[in-house]
C-alpha atoms as a PDB file:
ATOM      1  CA  MET A   1      -2.113  18.941  24.182  1.00  0.00           C
ATOM      2  CA  ASP A   2      -0.222  19.140  20.912  1.00  0.00           C
ATOM      3  CA  ILE A   3      -1.075  17.380  17.658  1.00  0.00           C
ATOM      4  CA  VAL A   4       1.267  14.466  18.349  1.00  0.00           C
ATOM      5  CA  ASP A   5      -0.274  13.772  21.765  1.00  0.00           C
ATOM      6  CA  PHE A   6      -3.789  14.080  20.368  1.00  0.00           C
ATOM      7  CA  SER A   7      -2.968  11.778  17.458  1.00  0.00           C
ATOM      8  CA  GLN A   8      -1.428   9.183  19.753  1.00  0.00           C
ATOM      9  CA  LYS A   9      -4.410   9.157  22.102  1.00  0.00           C
ATOM     10  CA  LEU A  10      -6.932   8.990  19.275  1.00  0.00           C
ATOM     11  CA  TYR A  11      -4.993   6.275  17.445  1.00  0.00           C
ATOM     12  CA  LYS A  12      -4.714   4.248  20.668  1.00  0.00           C
ATOM     13  CA  ARG A  13      -8.475   4.452  21.288  1.00  0.00           C
ATOM     14  CA  LEU A  14      -9.269   3.466  17.715  1.00  0.00           C
ATOM     15  CA  LYS A  15      -6.838   0.533  17.927  1.00  0.00           C
ATOM     16  CA  GLU A  16      -8.328  -0.634  21.254  1.00  0.00           C
ATOM     17  CA  ARG A  17     -11.840  -0.618  19.783  1.00  0.00           C
ATOM     18  CA  GLU A  18     -10.575  -2.408  16.685  1.00  0.00           C
ATOM     19  CA  ASP A  19      -8.968  -5.080  18.885  1.00  0.00           C
ATOM     20  CA  ASP A  20     -12.196  -5.479  20.883  1.00  0.00           C
ATOM     21  CA  ILE A  21     -14.207  -6.012  17.703  1.00  0.00           C
ATOM     22  CA  VAL A  22     -11.715  -8.520  16.290  1.00  0.00           C
ATOM     23  CA  LEU A  23     -11.862 -10.450  19.571  1.00  0.00           C
ATOM     24  CA  THR A  24     -15.658 -10.475  19.473  1.00  0.00           C
ATOM     25  CA  LEU A  25     -15.700 -11.679  15.882  1.00  0.00           C
ATOM     26  CA  THR A  26     -13.039 -14.352  16.319  1.00  0.00           C
ATOM     27  CA  THR A  27     -14.384 -15.848  19.541  1.00  0.00           C
ATOM     28  CA  GLY A  28     -17.875 -16.418  18.199  1.00  0.00           C
ATOM     29  CA  ALA A  29     -19.460 -13.900  20.542  1.00  0.00           C
ATOM     30  CA  VAL A  30     -21.652 -12.462  17.786  1.00  0.00           C
ATOM     31  CA  SER A  31     -25.289 -13.303  18.440  1.00  0.00           C
ATOM     32  CA  ASN A  32     -26.776 -12.733  14.991  1.00  0.00           C
ATOM     33  CA  HIS A  33     -26.060 -11.682  11.412  1.00  0.00           C
ATOM     34  CA  GLU A  34     -27.129  -8.076  12.000  1.00  0.00           C
ATOM     35  CA  GLN A  35     -24.621  -7.689  14.833  1.00  0.00           C
ATOM     36  CA  TYR A  36     -21.942  -9.282  12.638  1.00  0.00           C
ATOM     37  CA  LYS A  37     -22.624  -6.818   9.819  1.00  0.00           C
ATOM     38  CA  GLN A  38     -22.585  -3.885  12.242  1.00  0.00           C
ATOM     39  CA  LEU A  39     -19.264  -4.932  13.757  1.00  0.00           C
ATOM     40  CA  VAL A  40     -17.633  -5.547  10.371  1.00  0.00           C
ATOM     41  CA  GLY A  41     -18.798  -2.118   9.200  1.00  0.00           C
ATOM     42  CA  GLU A  42     -17.446  -0.475  12.332  1.00  0.00           C
ATOM     43  CA  LEU A  43     -14.158  -2.303  11.878  1.00  0.00           C
ATOM     44  CA  GLN A  44     -13.903  -0.996   8.310  1.00  0.00           C
ATOM     45  CA  GLY A  45     -14.618   2.527   9.524  1.00  0.00           C
ATOM     46  CA  LEU A  46     -11.969   2.318  12.223  1.00  0.00           C
ATOM     47  CA  SER A  47      -9.389   1.079   9.748  1.00  0.00           C
ATOM     48  CA  TYR A  48     -10.249   3.858   7.316  1.00  0.00           C
ATOM     49  CA  THR A  49     -10.037   6.475  10.063  1.00  0.00           C
ATOM     50  CA  LYS A  50      -6.632   5.260  11.227  1.00  0.00           C
ATOM     51  CA  ASP A  51      -5.355   5.398   7.639  1.00  0.00           C
ATOM     52  CA  GLN A  52      -6.670   8.941   7.232  1.00  0.00           C
ATOM     53  CA  ILE A  53      -4.975  10.087  10.431  1.00  0.00           C
ATOM     54  CA  LYS A  54      -1.673   8.719   9.170  1.00  0.00           C
ATOM     55  CA  SER A  55      -2.191  10.288   5.756  1.00  0.00           C
ATOM     56  CA  LEU A  56      -3.044  13.735   7.119  1.00  0.00           C
ATOM     57  CA  LEU A  57      -0.043  13.741   9.421  1.00  0.00           C
ATOM     58  CA  GLU A  58       2.339  12.391   6.790  1.00  0.00           C
ATOM     59  CA  GLY A  59       5.521  14.426   6.792  1.00  0.00           C
ATOM     60  CA  LYS A  60       4.631  16.149  10.046  1.00  0.00           C
ATOM     61  CA  ILE A  61       5.482  13.282  12.384  1.00  0.00           C
ATOM     62  CA  ASP A  62       6.821   9.749  12.064  1.00  0.00           C
ATOM     63  CA  ASP A  63       4.400   6.796  12.037  1.00  0.00           C
ATOM     64  CA  GLU A  64       6.129   5.559  15.166  1.00  0.00           C
ATOM     65  CA  ASP A  65       5.088   8.765  16.936  1.00  0.00           C
ATOM     66  CA  ILE A  66       1.437   8.108  16.096  1.00  0.00           C
ATOM     67  CA  ILE A  67       1.490   4.458  17.091  1.00  0.00           C
ATOM     68  CA  ARG A  68       3.614   4.886  20.225  1.00  0.00           C
ATOM     69  CA  THR A  69       1.486   4.312  23.319  1.00  0.00           C
END
């Protein structure tokens, strides 16, 4: 597996988890404030991680190559 394949798979998994969290938050499926805080924190971490992946690969591959699934 080369760096492009790895990046695509990792980005896809991060995006899927991000989408799951957004769905949970927007449908009112959060049971308490602690769970809400945990999910928002995880969402922030996922967003940060995706940005870092893009930044580290900048100039090596196109953004479309990372996001392509």
